[in-house]
Amino acid sequence: MTIEPVSDPPSGLSSSMLPADLIASAREALDAHVRHVVNCHFDPEKGTPFWLTYAQKLGFDPRHKINGYNDLRLLGHFQDEWLRGGPIRKWIPKALADQPVYVFETGGSTGLPKSRISIRDFQIDYELFSQHLSTETFPTGSDWLMLGPSGPRRLRLAVEHLAQIRGGICFLVDLDPRWVSKLVKIGKHQEFEAYRDHVVGQALQLLRAHDNIHCLFTTPKLLEALCEKISLNKVGITGIFCGGTEMNAQFHRFAREELVPGIDFVPTYGNTLMGLAYSKPFDSSTGSEDEPADRYSITYYPPYPRAVIELVDPDAPDQAVDYDQTGRVMLTTLTEEFFMPRFLERDEAERARPTEQFPWDGVRDLRLFSELKETVPVGVY
């Protein structure tokens, strides 16, 4: 089994706005990718120990029964508890057992952090994402500042890889968001503000010392704190990609109009389990109310065919919601390294139609799942 970047075949989710032949080829491409990934993880000689054990309980061979994306229903819903605790090696495919393995963790906002193995997935995800960045505003050869979660998350290594493949060097600031979340949860706001100022202070030092830093990754709260101290335009930042729980239409407007006007601002949605989604390009043309056509709503499209997002009825998660209706995010990750079918995420959104650029379903106005809003601390996100 080899690991290589997958090109951008369209998915199979339908829309009356796209030609029928594109819909048909999209479905075919997605289903073929599902068959390939299922064969990888359930092959007795080369497959993944967890999935080989799971198959023994099914009463059928998934390689014979699963012929496309819809057939993944036969496997049920992936449970987050399966990723909490060890042994971590049960997730390493036998075919890749001789490869160097990374382990990345989720934030732990909904309990014990989940762990995911990775070999090249995180690099492939950001190589594909790089293709969607402008060379004018994210210039090749420019250096980057990564001001976001570090530690056991993949973001530090992933953003550094993104800078490197674009010919740059990535400057990094240590940040432990779990400590921040703990301070917020127990009401120690002075300590939280002191830690935030400590992190922002390091970023300011780097920006003032290195005039080749033109690209930035950070979270909404840290971007706002940074902009209170310095004009990013004046220090030469030309492109920002920014993600986190508080990346909503209100912050999107605030960032474009007040925090970083004139800087290319690229919202992003990603996590350890999925990879990195692409945001629909901002439409600055004005509508009937003299506002941008999309009114600062943000629509994300998952990195097909490596990940699929469906929006489902929270009370009946086997049923997808209609376009423009609210549903809970159900994520399927499909790579040779990691297979995670039909996992119910902590987020909700409105279902968005495919576009010519992204001919698969997207999610609009992503936010924390309403049933979790009282229990999940936001912290620096």
Protein backbone atom coordinates (compact mmCIF):
# COMPACT_ATOMS: atom_id res chain seq x y z
CA MET A 1 0.00 0.00 0.00
CA THR A 2 1.42 3.37 -1.00
CA ILE A 3 0.58 6.78 0.31
CA GLU A 4 0.32 9.60 -2.17
CA PRO A 5 -1.65 12.82 -2.48
CA VAL A 6 -5.03 12.27 -4.06
CA SER A 7 -6.10 14.64 -6.81
CA ASP A 8 -9.32 16.59 -6.52
CA PRO A 9 -12.04 14.30 -7.88
CA PRO A 10 -15.55 15.56 -7.19
CA SER A 11 -17.80 13.86 -4.72
CA GLY A 12 -21.04 12.15 -5.39
CA LEU A 13 -23.55 14.38 -3.62
CA SER A 14 -26.17 15.77 -5.93
CA SER A 15 -27.41 19.22 -6.82
CA SER A 16 -29.78 20.36 -9.52
CA MET A 17 -27.43 23.32 -10.08
CA LEU A 18 -24.73 21.10 -11.61
CA PRO A 19 -24.81 19.08 -14.86
CA ALA A 20 -26.06 15.51 -14.55
CA ASP A 21 -22.86 14.03 -15.99
CA LEU A 22 -20.77 15.84 -13.36
CA ILE A 23 -23.06 14.45 -10.65
CA ALA A 24 -22.70 10.93 -12.05
CA SER A 25 -18.90 11.05 -12.33
CA ALA A 26 -18.72 12.56 -8.86
CA ARG A 27 -20.65 9.70 -7.35
CA GLU A 28 -18.57 7.18 -9.18
CA ALA A 29 -15.31 8.73 -7.97
CA LEU A 30 -16.41 8.84 -4.35
CA ASP A 31 -17.72 5.27 -4.36
CA ALA A 32 -14.50 4.00 -5.92
CA HIS A 33 -12.48 5.74 -3.22
CA VAL A 34 -14.66 4.21 -0.50
CA ARG A 35 -14.10 0.72 -1.94
CA HIS A 36 -10.34 1.30 -2.02
CA VAL A 37 -10.15 2.53 1.58
CA VAL A 38 -12.38 -0.28 2.89
CA ASN A 39 -10.20 -2.82 1.11
CA CYS A 40 -7.10 -1.27 2.70
CA HIS A 41 -8.37 -1.41 6.27
CA PHE A 42 -10.15 -4.78 6.14
CA ASP A 43 -7.51 -6.74 4.22
CA PRO A 44 -6.44 -9.64 6.49
CA GLU A 45 -2.79 -9.30 5.49
CA LYS A 46 -2.42 -5.51 5.30
CA GLY A 47 -5.38 -4.10 7.21
CA THR A 48 -5.86 -2.27 10.51
CA PRO A 49 -6.02 -4.38 13.71
CA PHE A 50 -9.00 -2.46 15.09
CA TRP A 51 -11.07 -2.91 11.93
CA LEU A 52 -10.08 -6.53 11.50
CA THR A 53 -11.30 -7.24 15.03
CA TYR A 54 -14.46 -5.21 14.39
CA ALA A 55 -15.17 -7.20 11.22
CA GLN A 56 -15.30 -10.43 13.22
CA LYS A 57 -18.43 -9.12 14.97
CA LEU A 58 -20.23 -8.10 11.79
CA GLY A 59 -21.02 -11.47 10.30
CA PHE A 60 -19.93 -10.32 6.82
CA ASP A 61 -16.81 -9.19 5.00
CA PRO A 62 -17.01 -5.40 4.47
CA ARG A 63 -14.85 -5.74 1.35
CA HIS A 64 -17.68 -7.67 -0.29
CA LYS A 65 -20.68 -5.76 1.08
CA ILE A 66 -19.52 -2.15 0.91
CA ASN A 67 -19.60 -1.01 -2.70
CA GLY A 68 -19.92 2.72 -2.13
CA TYR A 69 -20.46 5.54 0.31
CA ASN A 70 -24.07 4.69 1.16
CA ASP A 71 -23.09 1.16 2.17
CA LEU A 72 -21.03 2.53 5.07
CA ARG A 73 -24.32 2.48 6.99
CA LEU A 74 -23.67 -1.23 7.44
CA LEU A 75 -20.85 -0.36 9.83
CA GLY A 76 -22.96 1.85 12.10
CA HIS A 77 -21.66 5.07 13.63
CA PHE A 78 -18.05 5.48 14.67
CA GLN A 79 -17.87 6.02 18.45
CA ASP A 80 -15.53 8.64 19.87
CA GLU A 81 -14.79 6.39 22.87
CA TRP A 82 -12.88 4.10 20.50
CA LEU A 83 -10.22 6.81 20.20
CA ARG A 84 -9.95 7.55 23.91
CA GLY A 85 -7.07 5.58 25.41
CA GLY A 86 -4.91 2.80 23.98
CA PRO A 87 -3.41 0.73 22.69
CA ILE A 88 -2.70 3.25 19.93
CA ARG A 89 -1.08 0.63 17.67
CA LYS A 90 -4.44 -0.98 16.95
CA TRP A 91 -5.02 1.92 14.53
CA ILE A 92 -1.81 1.39 12.51
CA PRO A 93 -2.48 -0.55 9.28
CA LYS A 94 -0.21 -3.58 8.98
CA ALA A 95 0.90 -2.35 5.56
CA LEU A 96 2.30 0.80 7.19
CA ALA A 97 3.75 -0.73 10.35
CA ASP A 98 7.32 0.01 9.24
CA GLN A 99 6.63 3.73 8.70
CA PRO A 100 7.34 6.50 11.25
CA VAL A 101 4.08 7.20 13.09
CA TYR A 102 2.84 10.43 14.64
CA VAL A 103 0.07 10.57 17.21
CA PHE A 104 -2.13 13.65 17.47
CA GLU A 105 -4.83 14.47 20.00
CA THR A 106 -8.06 16.42 19.91
CA GLY A 107 -8.64 19.30 22.27
CA GLY A 108 -10.34 17.31 25.01
CA SER A 109 -13.24 19.76 25.33
CA THR A 110 -15.79 16.92 25.46
CA GLY A 111 -13.84 14.55 27.73
CA LEU A 112 -10.59 12.59 27.58
CA PRO A 113 -8.79 13.69 24.39
CA LYS A 114 -9.16 11.41 21.39
CA SER A 115 -5.96 10.16 19.73
CA ARG A 116 -5.35 9.62 16.04
CA ILE A 117 -2.31 8.12 14.34
CA SER A 118 -0.86 9.81 11.28
CA ILE A 119 1.99 9.10 8.92
CA ARG A 120 1.63 11.42 5.94
CA ASP A 121 -2.04 12.43 6.16
CA PHE A 122 -1.43 15.75 7.87
CA GLN A 123 1.12 16.72 5.24
CA ILE A 124 -1.11 15.66 2.34
CA ASP A 125 -4.04 17.63 3.78
CA TYR A 126 -2.01 20.83 3.88
CA GLU A 127 -0.43 20.22 0.48
CA LEU A 128 -3.95 20.11 -0.98
CA PHE A 129 -4.98 23.18 1.01
CA SER A 130 -1.93 25.04 -0.27
CA GLN A 131 -3.30 24.77 -3.80
CA HIS A 132 -6.22 27.02 -2.77
CA LEU A 133 -4.05 29.86 -1.43
CA SER A 134 -3.24 32.88 -3.56
CA THR A 135 0.43 33.26 -4.50
CA GLU A 136 -0.10 37.02 -4.44
CA THR A 137 -1.30 37.29 -0.85
CA PHE A 138 0.41 34.15 0.49
CA PRO A 139 3.63 34.62 -1.51
CA THR A 140 5.92 31.69 -2.11
CA GLY A 141 9.21 32.27 -0.33
CA SER A 142 7.56 34.27 2.44
CA ASP A 143 7.88 33.25 6.07
CA TRP A 144 4.97 32.38 8.34
CA LEU A 145 3.95 32.95 11.94
CA MET A 146 1.99 30.14 13.58
CA LEU A 147 0.08 31.56 16.57
CA GLY A 148 -2.21 28.78 17.68
CA PRO A 149 -2.51 25.48 19.55
CA SER A 150 0.69 23.46 19.80
CA GLY A 151 1.56 20.42 21.89
CA PRO A 152 -0.19 17.16 20.94
CA ARG A 153 -2.23 18.74 18.14
CA ARG A 154 -1.19 18.44 14.54
CA LEU A 155 -1.52 22.17 13.81
CA ARG A 156 2.06 23.05 14.70
CA LEU A 157 3.59 20.47 12.35
CA ALA A 158 0.94 20.99 9.67
CA VAL A 159 1.31 24.77 9.41
CA GLU A 160 5.07 24.41 9.49
CA HIS A 161 4.84 21.95 6.58
CA LEU A 162 2.57 24.39 4.73
CA ALA A 163 5.17 27.13 5.09
CA GLN A 164 7.96 24.83 3.97
CA ILE A 165 6.26 23.55 0.80
CA ARG A 166 5.62 27.18 -0.16
CA GLY A 167 9.31 27.96 0.25
CA GLY A 168 9.10 29.66 3.64
CA ILE A 169 10.19 29.24 7.25
CA CYS A 170 7.61 29.01 10.02
CA PHE A 171 8.08 30.88 13.30
CA LEU A 172 6.21 29.29 16.19
CA VAL A 173 4.81 30.41 19.54
CA ASP A 174 4.15 27.84 22.28
CA LEU A 175 0.49 27.70 23.32
CA ASP A 176 -1.35 25.25 25.58
CA PRO A 177 -5.09 25.75 24.96
CA ARG A 178 -6.01 23.13 27.55
CA TRP A 179 -4.52 25.33 30.26
CA VAL A 180 -6.45 28.30 28.90
CA SER A 181 -9.69 26.29 28.86
CA LYS A 182 -9.09 25.22 32.45
CA LEU A 183 -8.55 28.83 33.56
CA VAL A 184 -11.76 29.91 31.83
CA LYS A 185 -13.72 27.02 33.30
CA ILE A 186 -12.71 27.81 36.90
CA GLY A 187 -13.18 31.54 36.44
CA LYS A 188 -9.56 32.66 36.72
CA HIS A 189 -9.92 35.40 34.14
CA GLN A 190 -6.92 37.44 35.28
CA GLU A 191 -4.65 34.42 34.85
CA PHE A 192 -6.20 33.74 31.44
CA GLU A 193 -5.58 37.30 30.32
CA ALA A 194 -1.99 37.18 31.60
CA TYR A 195 -1.31 33.97 29.67
CA ARG A 196 -2.92 35.38 26.53
CA ASP A 197 -0.78 38.53 26.82
CA HIS A 198 2.31 36.37 27.30
CA VAL A 199 1.54 34.49 24.06
CA VAL A 200 0.71 37.64 22.09
CA GLY A 201 3.89 39.32 23.37
CA GLN A 202 6.01 36.56 21.85
CA ALA A 203 4.20 37.00 18.53
CA LEU A 204 4.89 40.73 18.58
CA GLN A 205 8.59 40.12 19.12
CA LEU A 206 8.74 37.81 16.11
CA LEU A 207 6.80 40.17 13.84
CA ARG A 208 9.08 43.08 14.72
CA ALA A 209 12.27 41.07 14.35
CA HIS A 210 11.61 39.26 11.06
CA ASP A 211 10.42 41.41 8.17
CA ASN A 212 9.96 38.44 5.81
CA ILE A 213 6.92 37.17 7.77
CA HIS A 214 3.99 37.88 5.44
CA CYS A 215 1.64 34.98 6.28
CA LEU A 216 -0.13 34.16 9.52
CA PHE A 217 -2.18 31.37 11.05
CA THR A 218 -4.09 32.12 14.24
CA THR A 219 -7.46 31.81 15.98
CA PRO A 220 -10.15 34.52 16.15
CA LYS A 221 -9.50 35.48 19.77
CA LEU A 222 -5.75 35.63 19.32
CA LEU A 223 -6.09 37.64 16.12
CA GLU A 224 -8.20 40.21 17.95
CA ALA A 225 -5.70 40.38 20.84
CA LEU A 226 -2.81 40.74 18.39
CA CYS A 227 -4.52 43.53 16.46
CA GLU A 228 -5.02 45.49 19.70
CA LYS A 229 -1.22 45.76 19.93
CA ILE A 230 -0.04 46.16 16.32
CA SER A 231 -1.18 46.93 12.78
CA LEU A 232 -0.63 43.76 10.80
CA ASN A 233 -0.78 45.76 7.58
CA LYS A 234 2.14 47.92 8.71
CA VAL A 235 4.34 44.96 9.61
CA GLY A 236 3.80 43.40 6.19
CA ILE A 237 1.22 40.66 6.74
CA THR A 238 -0.57 40.03 3.41
CA GLY A 239 -2.42 36.77 4.09
CA ILE A 240 -4.10 35.28 7.16
CA PHE A 241 -5.83 31.97 7.51
CA CYS A 242 -7.79 31.71 10.68
CA GLY A 243 -9.92 29.04 12.32
CA GLY A 244 -11.66 28.15 15.55
CA THR A 245 -14.99 27.82 17.30
CA GLU A 246 -15.67 31.57 17.18
CA MET A 247 -15.13 31.86 13.43
CA ASN A 248 -18.65 32.98 12.56
CA ALA A 249 -20.27 35.58 10.31
CA GLN A 250 -20.03 38.27 13.00
CA PHE A 251 -16.30 37.76 13.48
CA HIS A 252 -15.79 37.41 9.73
CA ARG A 253 -17.27 40.87 9.21
CA PHE A 254 -15.29 42.30 12.13
CA ALA A 255 -12.03 40.88 10.78
CA ARG A 256 -12.49 42.10 7.21
CA GLU A 257 -13.87 45.53 8.06
CA GLU A 258 -11.96 46.48 11.23
CA LEU A 259 -9.15 44.13 12.27
CA VAL A 260 -7.33 43.42 9.01
CA PRO A 261 -8.88 45.39 6.12
CA GLY A 262 -6.93 44.94 2.92
CA ILE A 263 -5.36 41.65 4.04
CA ASP A 264 -6.45 38.40 2.38
CA PHE A 265 -8.48 36.72 5.12
CA VAL A 266 -9.14 32.98 4.65
CA PRO A 267 -11.43 31.29 7.21
CA THR A 268 -10.74 27.62 7.78
CA TYR A 269 -12.41 24.65 9.44
CA GLY A 270 -10.27 21.70 10.36
CA ASN A 271 -9.61 19.17 13.06
CA THR A 272 -7.40 16.24 13.91
CA LEU A 273 -9.94 13.70 12.69
CA MET A 274 -10.95 15.26 9.37
CA GLY A 275 -8.13 17.28 7.92
CA LEU A 276 -8.68 20.76 6.55
CA ALA A 277 -11.77 22.07 4.76
CA TYR A 278 -11.76 24.76 2.08
CA SER A 279 -13.81 27.92 2.48
CA LYS A 280 -15.87 29.28 -0.39
CA PRO A 281 -14.09 32.37 -1.76
CA PHE A 282 -15.46 35.58 -0.28
CA ASP A 283 -17.96 37.26 -2.60
CA SER A 284 -17.51 41.01 -2.16
CA SER A 285 -20.16 41.99 -4.71
CA THR A 286 -23.00 43.85 -3.03
CA GLY A 287 -26.55 42.63 -2.85
CA SER A 288 -29.85 44.43 -2.47
CA GLU A 289 -28.96 45.72 1.01
CA ASP A 290 -25.55 47.05 -0.03
CA GLU A 291 -23.81 44.14 1.70
CA PRO A 292 -21.52 41.45 0.29
CA ALA A 293 -23.55 38.83 -1.54
CA ASP A 294 -22.89 36.17 1.09
CA ARG A 295 -23.45 38.60 4.01
CA TYR A 296 -20.25 37.28 5.60
CA SER A 297 -21.64 33.77 6.02
CA ILE A 298 -18.84 31.21 5.72
CA THR A 299 -19.30 28.03 3.72
CA TYR A 300 -16.80 25.20 4.03
CA TYR A 301 -16.27 22.24 1.72
CA PRO A 302 -14.51 19.11 3.03
CA PRO A 303 -11.40 17.75 1.29
CA TYR A 304 -13.04 15.18 -0.97
CA PRO A 305 -12.68 12.29 -1.30
CA ARG A 306 -10.51 12.10 1.78
CA ALA A 307 -13.36 13.33 3.98
CA VAL A 308 -17.13 13.56 3.60
CA ILE A 309 -19.47 15.70 5.66
CA GLU A 310 -23.20 15.08 5.89
CA LEU A 311 -25.60 17.17 7.94
CA VAL A 312 -28.05 14.88 9.69
CA ASP A 313 -31.09 15.12 11.91
CA PRO A 314 -29.73 15.12 15.51
CA ASP A 315 -32.62 12.90 16.62
CA ALA A 316 -32.40 10.58 13.62
CA PRO A 317 -28.76 10.59 12.50
CA ASP A 318 -29.40 8.18 9.64
CA GLN A 319 -31.43 10.90 7.91
CA ALA A 320 -29.79 13.80 6.08
CA VAL A 321 -31.39 17.22 6.32
CA ASP A 322 -32.46 19.20 3.25
CA TYR A 323 -30.40 21.99 1.70
CA ASP A 324 -30.41 25.19 3.77
CA GLN A 325 -31.65 23.27 6.82
CA THR A 326 -29.76 22.87 10.09
CA GLY A 327 -28.19 19.53 10.93
CA ARG A 328 -25.51 17.96 13.04
CA VAL A 329 -22.16 17.32 11.35
CA MET A 330 -21.53 13.66 10.53
CA LEU A 331 -17.95 13.15 9.41
CA THR A 332 -16.44 10.27 7.47
CA THR A 333 -12.65 10.21 7.04
CA LEU A 334 -11.34 8.05 4.20
CA THR A 335 -7.58 7.67 3.89
CA GLU A 336 -5.23 4.70 3.67
CA GLU A 337 -3.94 5.61 7.12
CA PHE A 338 -7.18 6.30 8.93
CA PHE A 339 -10.76 5.17 8.41
CA MET A 340 -13.54 6.75 10.48
CA PRO A 341 -17.07 6.18 9.11
CA ARG A 342 -20.09 8.29 10.09
CA PHE A 343 -18.82 10.00 13.24
CA LEU A 344 -21.21 12.48 14.87
CA GLU A 345 -19.17 15.63 15.48
CA ARG A 346 -19.68 18.34 18.12
CA ASP A 347 -20.72 20.87 15.45
CA GLU A 348 -23.87 21.88 13.59
CA ALA A 349 -24.45 23.98 10.47
CA GLU A 350 -26.72 24.55 7.49
CA ARG A 351 -26.38 22.27 4.49
CA ALA A 352 -24.89 24.11 1.51
CA ARG A 353 -25.18 23.18 -2.15
CA PRO A 354 -22.25 22.07 -4.29
CA THR A 355 -20.55 24.64 -6.47
CA GLU A 356 -18.63 24.42 -9.71
CA GLN A 357 -15.37 24.73 -7.80
CA PHE A 358 -16.45 22.29 -5.07
CA PRO A 359 -19.02 19.89 -6.58
CA TRP A 360 -19.99 18.33 -3.27
CA ASP A 361 -22.04 19.30 -0.23
CA GLY A 362 -20.72 22.00 2.07
CA VAL A 363 -21.61 23.37 5.49
CA ARG A 364 -22.57 26.99 6.16
CA ASP A 365 -22.38 28.98 9.39
CA LEU A 366 -20.66 26.22 11.32
CA ARG A 367 -20.98 26.43 15.11
CA LEU A 368 -20.90 24.35 18.27
CA PHE A 369 -23.73 21.81 18.46
CA SER A 370 -26.50 23.49 20.45
CA GLU A 371 -26.77 20.68 23.01
CA LEU A 372 -23.09 21.19 23.98
CA LYS A 373 -22.95 24.98 24.23
CA GLU A 374 -23.24 25.02 28.01
CA THR A 375 -20.56 22.38 28.60
CA VAL A 376 -17.73 23.09 26.16
CA PRO A 377 -15.32 25.93 27.08
CA VAL A 378 -14.14 28.04 24.13
CA GLY A 379 -10.79 29.26 25.53
CA VAL A 380 -8.45 30.75 22.91
CA TYR A 381 -10.55 29.56 20.01
